[in-house]
């Protein structure tokens, strides 16, 4: 379950490339901390950051699942695979 203690990153104000790098670094940090869940806040807007984030998440082998939050479509919930080598 995703609670307020779940690690998160807020991408408001980022451009596409910066967002991609920030998400990659965020996932790396989650792995180092042995976290299995995270929240990526990308906002709603025109969906540019959401599309970029989801495009990246599809390619990252450390990500098991990702979904838009049912209650807040401006954030994506991620679950990481445990014990995966980089």
N, C-alpha and C. Protein backbone atom coordinates (compact mmCIF):
# COMPACT_ATOMS: atom_id res chain seq x y z
N UNK A 1 0.84 -1.17 0.00
CA UNK A 1 0.00 0.00 0.00
C UNK A 1 0.88 1.24 0.00
N UNK A 2 0.47 2.26 -0.70
CA UNK A 2 1.25 3.48 -0.80
C UNK A 2 0.79 4.47 0.24
N UNK A 3 1.64 4.79 1.16
CA UNK A 3 1.34 5.73 2.23
C UNK A 3 2.23 6.95 2.10
N UNK A 4 2.05 7.89 2.98
CA UNK A 4 2.85 9.11 2.92
C UNK A 4 4.33 8.84 3.19
N UNK A 5 4.65 7.68 3.76
CA UNK A 5 6.05 7.35 4.01
C UNK A 5 6.74 6.74 2.79
N UNK A 6 5.98 6.51 1.74
CA UNK A 6 6.56 5.98 0.50
C UNK A 6 7.42 7.05 -0.14
N UNK A 7 8.67 6.71 -0.52
CA UNK A 7 9.54 7.69 -1.16
C UNK A 7 8.91 8.23 -2.45
N UNK A 8 9.13 9.52 -2.70
CA UNK A 8 8.54 10.13 -3.89
C UNK A 8 9.49 11.15 -4.50
N UNK A 9 9.21 11.47 -5.75
CA UNK A 9 9.94 12.53 -6.45
C UNK A 9 8.90 13.39 -7.18
N UNK A 10 9.10 14.70 -7.13
CA UNK A 10 8.18 15.64 -7.78
C UNK A 10 8.88 16.23 -9.00
N UNK A 11 8.31 16.01 -10.17
CA UNK A 11 8.94 16.44 -11.43
C UNK A 11 8.37 17.75 -11.98
N UNK A 12 7.54 18.43 -11.21
CA UNK A 12 7.00 19.71 -11.69
C UNK A 12 8.15 20.66 -12.04
N UNK A 13 8.08 21.25 -13.22
CA UNK A 13 9.11 22.18 -13.66
C UNK A 13 10.25 21.54 -14.44
N UNK A 14 10.27 20.23 -14.53
CA UNK A 14 11.33 19.53 -15.27
C UNK A 14 10.98 19.49 -16.75
N UNK A 15 12.02 19.44 -17.60
CA UNK A 15 11.77 19.16 -19.01
C UNK A 15 11.89 17.64 -19.20
N UNK A 16 11.64 17.17 -20.41
CA UNK A 16 11.61 15.72 -20.66
C UNK A 16 12.91 15.02 -20.29
N UNK A 17 14.02 15.54 -20.77
CA UNK A 17 15.31 14.88 -20.53
C UNK A 17 15.69 14.92 -19.05
N UNK A 18 15.48 16.05 -18.40
CA UNK A 18 15.78 16.15 -16.97
C UNK A 18 14.90 15.20 -16.16
N UNK A 19 13.65 15.07 -16.56
CA UNK A 19 12.73 14.16 -15.87
C UNK A 19 13.20 12.73 -16.01
N UNK A 20 13.62 12.35 -17.20
CA UNK A 20 14.10 10.99 -17.45
C UNK A 20 15.32 10.68 -16.56
N UNK A 21 16.25 11.61 -16.50
CA UNK A 21 17.45 11.43 -15.68
C UNK A 21 17.08 11.36 -14.20
N UNK A 22 16.19 12.24 -13.77
CA UNK A 22 15.77 12.27 -12.36
C UNK A 22 15.08 10.97 -11.96
N UNK A 23 14.25 10.42 -12.84
CA UNK A 23 13.55 9.17 -12.54
C UNK A 23 14.55 8.02 -12.47
N UNK A 24 15.51 8.00 -13.38
CA UNK A 24 16.54 6.95 -13.34
C UNK A 24 17.31 7.02 -12.03
N UNK A 25 17.71 8.22 -11.63
CA UNK A 25 18.44 8.39 -10.37
C UNK A 25 17.57 8.03 -9.17
N UNK A 26 16.29 8.37 -9.22
CA UNK A 26 15.35 8.05 -8.15
C UNK A 26 15.24 6.54 -7.97
N UNK A 27 15.12 5.82 -9.07
CA UNK A 27 15.01 4.36 -9.01
C UNK A 27 16.32 3.75 -8.49
N UNK A 28 17.45 4.30 -8.90
CA UNK A 28 18.74 3.84 -8.40
C UNK A 28 18.82 4.02 -6.89
N UNK A 29 18.38 5.18 -6.41
CA UNK A 29 18.38 5.44 -4.97
C UNK A 29 17.45 4.49 -4.22
N UNK A 30 16.27 4.23 -4.80
CA UNK A 30 15.34 3.28 -4.17
C UNK A 30 15.98 1.91 -4.04
N UNK A 31 16.69 1.48 -5.08
CA UNK A 31 17.35 0.18 -5.04
C UNK A 31 18.44 0.14 -3.97
N UNK A 32 19.22 1.22 -3.88
CA UNK A 32 20.28 1.28 -2.87
C UNK A 32 19.70 1.22 -1.46
N UNK A 33 18.53 1.82 -1.28
CA UNK A 33 17.88 1.84 0.04
C UNK A 33 17.01 0.60 0.27
N UNK A 34 17.00 -0.31 -0.72
CA UNK A 34 16.21 -1.55 -0.66
C UNK A 34 14.72 -1.28 -0.50
N UNK A 35 14.26 -0.18 -1.11
CA UNK A 35 12.83 0.14 -1.15
C UNK A 35 12.22 -0.62 -2.33
N UNK A 36 10.95 -0.98 -2.21
CA UNK A 36 10.30 -1.70 -3.30
C UNK A 36 9.17 -0.90 -3.94
N UNK A 37 8.85 0.26 -3.37
CA UNK A 37 7.77 1.09 -3.90
C UNK A 37 8.23 2.54 -3.96
N UNK A 38 7.64 3.28 -4.88
CA UNK A 38 7.93 4.70 -5.01
C UNK A 38 6.80 5.42 -5.71
N UNK A 39 6.80 6.73 -5.57
CA UNK A 39 5.78 7.57 -6.20
C UNK A 39 6.49 8.61 -7.06
N UNK A 40 6.06 8.73 -8.30
CA UNK A 40 6.59 9.75 -9.21
C UNK A 40 5.45 10.74 -9.48
N UNK A 41 5.66 11.98 -9.06
CA UNK A 41 4.65 13.01 -9.26
C UNK A 41 5.04 13.80 -10.51
N UNK A 42 4.22 13.67 -11.55
CA UNK A 42 4.53 14.33 -12.82
C UNK A 42 3.50 15.38 -13.19
N UNK A 43 2.40 15.44 -12.48
CA UNK A 43 1.34 16.39 -12.79
C UNK A 43 0.45 15.89 -13.91
N UNK A 44 -0.59 16.65 -14.17
CA UNK A 44 -1.56 16.25 -15.19
C UNK A 44 -1.27 17.00 -16.50
N UNK A 45 -1.47 18.29 -16.52
CA UNK A 45 -1.16 19.11 -17.69
C UNK A 45 -1.55 18.48 -19.01
N UNK A 46 -0.65 18.55 -19.97
CA UNK A 46 -0.88 17.97 -21.29
C UNK A 46 -0.38 16.53 -21.38
N UNK A 47 0.18 16.02 -20.30
CA UNK A 47 0.63 14.63 -20.26
C UNK A 47 2.01 14.39 -20.82
N UNK A 48 2.77 15.45 -21.07
CA UNK A 48 4.09 15.29 -21.67
C UNK A 48 5.04 14.55 -20.73
N UNK A 49 5.12 14.99 -19.46
CA UNK A 49 6.00 14.32 -18.51
C UNK A 49 5.52 12.90 -18.21
N UNK A 50 4.22 12.71 -18.10
CA UNK A 50 3.67 11.37 -17.84
C UNK A 50 4.10 10.41 -18.94
N UNK A 51 3.96 10.84 -20.20
CA UNK A 51 4.35 9.99 -21.32
C UNK A 51 5.84 9.68 -21.29
N UNK A 52 6.65 10.68 -20.98
CA UNK A 52 8.10 10.48 -20.92
C UNK A 52 8.47 9.53 -19.79
N UNK A 53 7.86 9.72 -18.63
CA UNK A 53 8.13 8.85 -17.48
C UNK A 53 7.72 7.43 -17.79
N UNK A 54 6.54 7.23 -18.33
CA UNK A 54 6.07 5.88 -18.64
C UNK A 54 6.92 5.22 -19.73
N UNK A 55 7.36 6.01 -20.68
CA UNK A 55 8.24 5.49 -21.72
C UNK A 55 9.54 4.97 -21.10
N UNK A 56 10.08 5.72 -20.15
CA UNK A 56 11.30 5.28 -19.49
C UNK A 56 11.04 4.04 -18.62
N UNK A 57 9.97 4.06 -17.85
CA UNK A 57 9.69 2.95 -16.94
C UNK A 57 9.53 1.63 -17.68
N UNK A 58 9.04 1.66 -18.91
CA UNK A 58 8.89 0.45 -19.71
C UNK A 58 10.24 -0.19 -20.02
N UNK A 59 11.31 0.62 -20.05
CA UNK A 59 12.63 0.12 -20.43
C UNK A 59 13.51 -0.24 -19.24
N UNK A 60 13.14 0.16 -18.04
CA UNK A 60 13.97 -0.08 -16.86
C UNK A 60 13.66 -1.47 -16.29
N UNK A 61 14.65 -2.36 -16.34
CA UNK A 61 14.44 -3.74 -15.91
C UNK A 61 14.22 -3.86 -14.40
N UNK A 62 14.49 -2.81 -13.65
CA UNK A 62 14.29 -2.85 -12.20
C UNK A 62 12.83 -2.61 -11.81
N UNK A 63 12.04 -2.12 -12.76
CA UNK A 63 10.63 -1.79 -12.49
C UNK A 63 9.76 -3.00 -12.79
N UNK A 64 9.04 -3.45 -11.76
CA UNK A 64 8.13 -4.58 -11.95
C UNK A 64 6.80 -4.10 -12.52
N UNK A 65 6.19 -3.09 -11.89
CA UNK A 65 4.93 -2.54 -12.37
C UNK A 65 4.91 -1.03 -12.16
N UNK A 66 4.08 -0.37 -12.96
CA UNK A 66 3.80 1.05 -12.74
C UNK A 66 2.39 1.33 -13.21
N UNK A 67 1.69 2.14 -12.43
CA UNK A 67 0.31 2.50 -12.77
C UNK A 67 0.03 3.92 -12.32
N UNK A 68 -0.89 4.55 -13.03
CA UNK A 68 -1.37 5.86 -12.58
C UNK A 68 -2.17 5.66 -11.31
N UNK A 69 -2.05 6.60 -10.40
CA UNK A 69 -2.84 6.54 -9.18
C UNK A 69 -4.31 6.72 -9.53
N UNK A 70 -5.15 5.89 -8.96
CA UNK A 70 -6.59 5.98 -9.20
C UNK A 70 -7.14 7.30 -8.65
N UNK A 71 -6.63 7.72 -7.51
CA UNK A 71 -7.13 8.94 -6.86
C UNK A 71 -6.48 10.21 -7.38
N UNK A 72 -5.29 10.10 -7.96
CA UNK A 72 -4.58 11.27 -8.45
C UNK A 72 -3.85 10.92 -9.75
N UNK A 73 -4.45 11.22 -10.90
CA UNK A 73 -3.80 10.87 -12.17
C UNK A 73 -2.54 11.68 -12.47
N UNK A 74 -2.16 12.54 -11.56
CA UNK A 74 -0.92 13.31 -11.71
C UNK A 74 0.28 12.62 -11.11
N UNK A 75 0.09 11.38 -10.68
CA UNK A 75 1.23 10.64 -10.14
C UNK A 75 1.17 9.18 -10.54
N UNK A 76 2.35 8.61 -10.65
CA UNK A 76 2.50 7.21 -11.04
C UNK A 76 3.09 6.44 -9.87
N UNK A 77 2.51 5.30 -9.58
CA UNK A 77 2.97 4.43 -8.51
C UNK A 77 3.84 3.34 -9.13
N UNK A 78 5.03 3.12 -8.57
CA UNK A 78 5.92 2.10 -9.12
C UNK A 78 6.23 1.05 -8.07
N UNK A 79 6.42 -0.17 -8.54
CA UNK A 79 6.86 -1.28 -7.71
C UNK A 79 8.11 -1.83 -8.37
N UNK A 80 9.16 -2.02 -7.57
CA UNK A 80 10.43 -2.50 -8.10
C UNK A 80 10.59 -3.98 -7.85
N UNK A 81 11.36 -4.60 -8.72
CA UNK A 81 11.72 -6.01 -8.55
C UNK A 81 12.78 -6.08 -7.46
N UNK A 82 12.62 -7.01 -6.55
CA UNK A 82 13.60 -7.16 -5.49
C UNK A 82 14.80 -7.96 -5.99
N UNK A 83 15.98 -7.63 -5.47
CA UNK A 83 17.21 -8.36 -5.74
C UNK A 83 17.54 -8.45 -7.23
N UNK A 84 17.49 -7.33 -7.91
CA UNK A 84 17.85 -7.30 -9.33
C UNK A 84 19.21 -6.62 -9.47
N UNK A 85 20.09 -7.19 -10.28
CA UNK A 85 21.38 -6.54 -10.54
C UNK A 85 21.17 -5.44 -11.55
N UNK A 86 21.98 -4.39 -11.43
CA UNK A 86 21.84 -3.25 -12.33
C UNK A 86 22.14 -3.68 -13.70
